[in-house]
Amino acid sequence: MIGGMEMCAMQTTAYTITPHDAEVFRDLVTFLGEDVFDQRQRNGAIAKSDAFQRRISEARSVFKGIGVYDGANLKENHNG
């Protein structure tokens, strides 16, 4: 028990991600990183909150960790 909360060990499961799956998720993360904003500033400008930006960065790190974010192991990205 940690901080009054019971902690359970996460059971691992083997997942398979195809090159197409990776490309779809990579394109989604790219879209979120470039075209989606979750905050409006007082001056009316739109921006990404720190929490949203952290999530995008974490997703990019996962893709880099498995070697797909840079596109080297995927088909050409036609979305930019």
N, C-alpha and C. Protein backbone atom coordinates (compact mmCIF):
# COMPACT_ATOMS: atom_id res chain seq x y z
N MET A 1 0.85 -1.17 0.00
CA MET A 1 0.00 0.00 0.00
C MET A 1 0.90 1.23 0.00
N ILE A 2 0.65 2.18 -0.89
CA ILE A 2 1.44 3.41 -1.00
C ILE A 2 0.49 4.59 -0.90
N GLY A 3 0.74 5.49 0.06
CA GLY A 3 -0.08 6.68 0.20
C GLY A 3 -1.55 6.40 0.36
N GLY A 4 -1.89 5.30 1.03
CA GLY A 4 -3.29 4.96 1.25
C GLY A 4 -3.94 4.28 0.06
N MET A 5 -3.18 4.07 -1.02
CA MET A 5 -3.73 3.41 -2.20
C MET A 5 -3.05 2.06 -2.40
N GLU A 6 -3.83 1.06 -2.65
CA GLU A 6 -3.28 -0.26 -2.90
C GLU A 6 -2.71 -0.30 -4.30
N MET A 7 -1.47 -0.74 -4.41
CA MET A 7 -0.81 -0.80 -5.71
C MET A 7 -0.75 -2.25 -6.16
N CYS A 8 -1.12 -2.51 -7.39
CA CYS A 8 -1.07 -3.85 -7.95
C CYS A 8 -0.04 -3.87 -9.07
N ALA A 9 0.68 -4.96 -9.16
CA ALA A 9 1.63 -5.11 -10.25
C ALA A 9 0.85 -5.29 -11.54
N MET A 10 1.31 -4.62 -12.58
CA MET A 10 0.65 -4.72 -13.88
C MET A 10 1.09 -6.01 -14.56
N GLN A 11 0.13 -6.78 -15.00
CA GLN A 11 0.44 -8.00 -15.70
C GLN A 11 0.76 -7.64 -17.14
N THR A 12 1.87 -8.13 -17.64
CA THR A 12 2.26 -7.81 -19.00
C THR A 12 1.57 -8.73 -19.99
N THR A 13 1.25 -8.18 -21.12
CA THR A 13 0.64 -8.91 -22.20
C THR A 13 1.42 -8.57 -23.46
N ALA A 14 1.65 -9.53 -24.28
CA ALA A 14 2.36 -9.27 -25.53
C ALA A 14 1.39 -8.63 -26.52
N TYR A 15 1.79 -7.51 -27.07
CA TYR A 15 1.01 -6.81 -28.08
C TYR A 15 1.76 -6.84 -29.39
N THR A 16 1.04 -6.86 -30.47
CA THR A 16 1.65 -6.81 -31.79
C THR A 16 1.16 -5.55 -32.48
N ILE A 17 2.10 -4.81 -33.04
CA ILE A 17 1.75 -3.62 -33.78
C ILE A 17 2.32 -3.78 -35.19
N THR A 18 1.45 -3.68 -36.17
CA THR A 18 1.89 -3.83 -37.55
C THR A 18 2.47 -2.51 -38.04
N PRO A 19 3.21 -2.53 -39.13
CA PRO A 19 3.70 -1.26 -39.68
C PRO A 19 2.55 -0.29 -39.99
N HIS A 20 1.44 -0.80 -40.47
CA HIS A 20 0.28 0.07 -40.74
C HIS A 20 -0.26 0.68 -39.46
N ASP A 21 -0.37 -0.12 -38.40
CA ASP A 21 -0.82 0.39 -37.10
C ASP A 21 0.09 1.51 -36.63
N ALA A 22 1.39 1.28 -36.70
CA ALA A 22 2.36 2.28 -36.26
C ALA A 22 2.23 3.56 -37.07
N GLU A 23 2.01 3.42 -38.37
CA GLU A 23 1.87 4.59 -39.23
C GLU A 23 0.62 5.39 -38.86
N VAL A 24 -0.48 4.70 -38.59
CA VAL A 24 -1.72 5.38 -38.21
C VAL A 24 -1.53 6.15 -36.90
N PHE A 25 -0.94 5.50 -35.90
CA PHE A 25 -0.73 6.18 -34.63
C PHE A 25 0.30 7.30 -34.75
N ARG A 26 1.35 7.08 -35.52
CA ARG A 26 2.34 8.13 -35.73
C ARG A 26 1.70 9.35 -36.39
N ASP A 27 0.86 9.13 -37.40
CA ASP A 27 0.19 10.24 -38.06
C ASP A 27 -0.76 10.97 -37.11
N LEU A 28 -1.42 10.22 -36.23
CA LEU A 28 -2.30 10.84 -35.24
C LEU A 28 -1.50 11.73 -34.29
N VAL A 29 -0.38 11.22 -33.79
CA VAL A 29 0.45 12.00 -32.88
C VAL A 29 1.00 13.24 -33.60
N THR A 30 1.38 13.09 -34.86
CA THR A 30 1.85 14.24 -35.64
C THR A 30 0.75 15.28 -35.78
N PHE A 31 -0.46 14.84 -36.10
CA PHE A 31 -1.61 15.75 -36.23
C PHE A 31 -1.88 16.46 -34.90
N LEU A 32 -1.89 15.71 -33.81
CA LEU A 32 -2.12 16.32 -32.51
C LEU A 32 -1.03 17.34 -32.18
N GLY A 33 0.20 17.03 -32.53
CA GLY A 33 1.31 17.91 -32.24
C GLY A 33 1.33 19.18 -33.07
N GLU A 34 0.74 19.12 -34.26
CA GLU A 34 0.79 20.27 -35.16
C GLU A 34 -0.51 21.06 -35.21
N ASP A 35 -1.65 20.39 -35.21
CA ASP A 35 -2.91 21.05 -35.55
C ASP A 35 -3.96 21.09 -34.46
N VAL A 36 -3.72 20.52 -33.31
CA VAL A 36 -4.73 20.47 -32.25
C VAL A 36 -4.24 21.27 -31.05
N PHE A 37 -5.12 22.10 -30.53
CA PHE A 37 -4.80 22.95 -29.38
C PHE A 37 -5.91 22.78 -28.36
N ASP A 38 -5.55 22.83 -27.09
CA ASP A 38 -6.55 22.61 -26.03
C ASP A 38 -6.68 23.78 -25.08
N GLN A 39 -6.14 24.91 -25.46
CA GLN A 39 -6.15 26.04 -24.54
C GLN A 39 -6.27 27.34 -25.33
N ARG A 40 -7.06 28.26 -24.79
CA ARG A 40 -7.14 29.60 -25.38
C ARG A 40 -6.58 30.58 -24.36
N GLN A 41 -5.62 31.38 -24.80
CA GLN A 41 -5.00 32.34 -23.91
C GLN A 41 -5.86 33.60 -23.80
N ARG A 42 -5.55 34.43 -22.84
CA ARG A 42 -6.34 35.65 -22.60
C ARG A 42 -6.39 36.57 -23.80
N ASN A 43 -5.32 36.56 -24.60
CA ASN A 43 -5.29 37.43 -25.77
C ASN A 43 -5.99 36.81 -26.98
N GLY A 44 -6.61 35.64 -26.78
CA GLY A 44 -7.35 34.97 -27.84
C GLY A 44 -6.54 33.96 -28.62
N ALA A 45 -5.24 33.92 -28.41
CA ALA A 45 -4.39 32.96 -29.11
C ALA A 45 -4.67 31.55 -28.59
N ILE A 46 -4.50 30.58 -29.46
CA ILE A 46 -4.67 29.20 -29.05
C ILE A 46 -3.30 28.58 -28.78
N ALA A 47 -3.27 27.60 -27.89
CA ALA A 47 -2.01 26.99 -27.49
C ALA A 47 -2.27 25.58 -26.98
N LYS A 48 -1.19 24.87 -26.71
CA LYS A 48 -1.26 23.56 -26.08
C LYS A 48 -0.91 23.73 -24.60
N SER A 49 -1.70 23.11 -23.76
CA SER A 49 -1.37 23.13 -22.33
C SER A 49 -0.12 22.30 -22.11
N ASP A 50 0.52 22.51 -20.98
CA ASP A 50 1.72 21.74 -20.64
C ASP A 50 1.37 20.25 -20.55
N ALA A 51 0.22 19.93 -19.98
CA ALA A 51 -0.18 18.53 -19.83
C ALA A 51 -0.38 17.87 -21.20
N PHE A 52 -1.02 18.58 -22.12
CA PHE A 52 -1.25 18.05 -23.46
C PHE A 52 0.07 17.86 -24.19
N GLN A 53 0.95 18.84 -24.08
CA GLN A 53 2.26 18.76 -24.73
C GLN A 53 3.08 17.59 -24.18
N ARG A 54 2.97 17.35 -22.86
CA ARG A 54 3.67 16.22 -22.25
C ARG A 54 3.18 14.89 -22.82
N ARG A 55 1.87 14.77 -23.00
CA ARG A 55 1.31 13.52 -23.54
C ARG A 55 1.81 13.29 -24.96
N ILE A 56 1.85 14.34 -25.76
CA ILE A 56 2.35 14.22 -27.12
C ILE A 56 3.82 13.80 -27.10
N SER A 57 4.60 14.42 -26.23
CA SER A 57 6.02 14.08 -26.12
C SER A 57 6.22 12.64 -25.68
N GLU A 58 5.39 12.18 -24.74
CA GLU A 58 5.49 10.80 -24.28
C GLU A 58 5.17 9.83 -25.42
N ALA A 59 4.16 10.15 -26.20
CA ALA A 59 3.81 9.28 -27.34
C ALA A 59 4.95 9.25 -28.35
N ARG A 60 5.54 10.40 -28.63
CA ARG A 60 6.68 10.44 -29.56
C ARG A 60 7.84 9.60 -29.02
N SER A 61 8.07 9.66 -27.72
CA SER A 61 9.15 8.88 -27.12
C SER A 61 8.92 7.38 -27.28
N VAL A 62 7.67 6.96 -27.13
CA VAL A 62 7.34 5.54 -27.32
C VAL A 62 7.66 5.14 -28.75
N PHE A 63 7.24 5.94 -29.72
CA PHE A 63 7.51 5.62 -31.11
C PHE A 63 9.00 5.61 -31.41
N LYS A 64 9.72 6.57 -30.86
CA LYS A 64 11.18 6.59 -31.06
C LYS A 64 11.80 5.35 -30.43
N GLY A 65 11.29 4.94 -29.28
CA GLY A 65 11.82 3.77 -28.58
C GLY A 65 11.65 2.48 -29.36
N ILE A 66 10.59 2.39 -30.14
CA ILE A 66 10.39 1.18 -30.94
C ILE A 66 10.84 1.38 -32.38
N GLY A 67 11.42 2.55 -32.66
CA GLY A 67 12.03 2.79 -33.95
C GLY A 67 11.11 3.12 -35.09
N VAL A 68 9.94 3.70 -34.80
CA VAL A 68 9.03 4.02 -35.89
C VAL A 68 8.71 5.50 -36.03
N TYR A 69 9.03 6.32 -35.05
CA TYR A 69 8.59 7.72 -35.15
C TYR A 69 9.22 8.46 -36.30
N ASP A 70 10.49 8.18 -36.59
CA ASP A 70 11.16 8.92 -37.66
C ASP A 70 10.74 8.43 -39.04
N GLY A 71 9.95 7.38 -39.10
CA GLY A 71 9.45 6.88 -40.38
C GLY A 71 10.41 5.96 -41.10
N ALA A 72 11.58 5.71 -40.52
CA ALA A 72 12.56 4.88 -41.20
C ALA A 72 12.04 3.47 -41.48
N ASN A 73 11.19 2.98 -40.60
CA ASN A 73 10.68 1.62 -40.77
C ASN A 73 9.26 1.58 -41.32
N LEU A 74 8.78 2.73 -41.78
CA LEU A 74 7.42 2.82 -42.29
C LEU A 74 7.42 3.34 -43.71
N LYS A 75 6.24 3.23 -44.35
CA LYS A 75 6.09 3.83 -45.67
C LYS A 75 6.20 5.35 -45.53
N GLU A 76 6.43 6.01 -46.63
CA GLU A 76 6.54 7.46 -46.64
C GLU A 76 5.27 8.08 -46.08
N ASN A 77 5.43 9.09 -45.24
CA ASN A 77 4.31 9.81 -44.66
C ASN A 77 3.88 10.91 -45.63
N HIS A 78 2.72 10.78 -46.22
CA HIS A 78 2.24 11.76 -47.19
C HIS A 78 1.48 12.90 -46.54
N ASN A 79 1.40 12.92 -45.22
CA ASN A 79 0.65 13.95 -44.51
C ASN A 79 1.55 15.02 -43.91
N GLY A 80 2.79 15.07 -44.29
CA GLY A 80 3.66 16.11 -43.79
C GLY A 80 4.66 15.70 -42.79
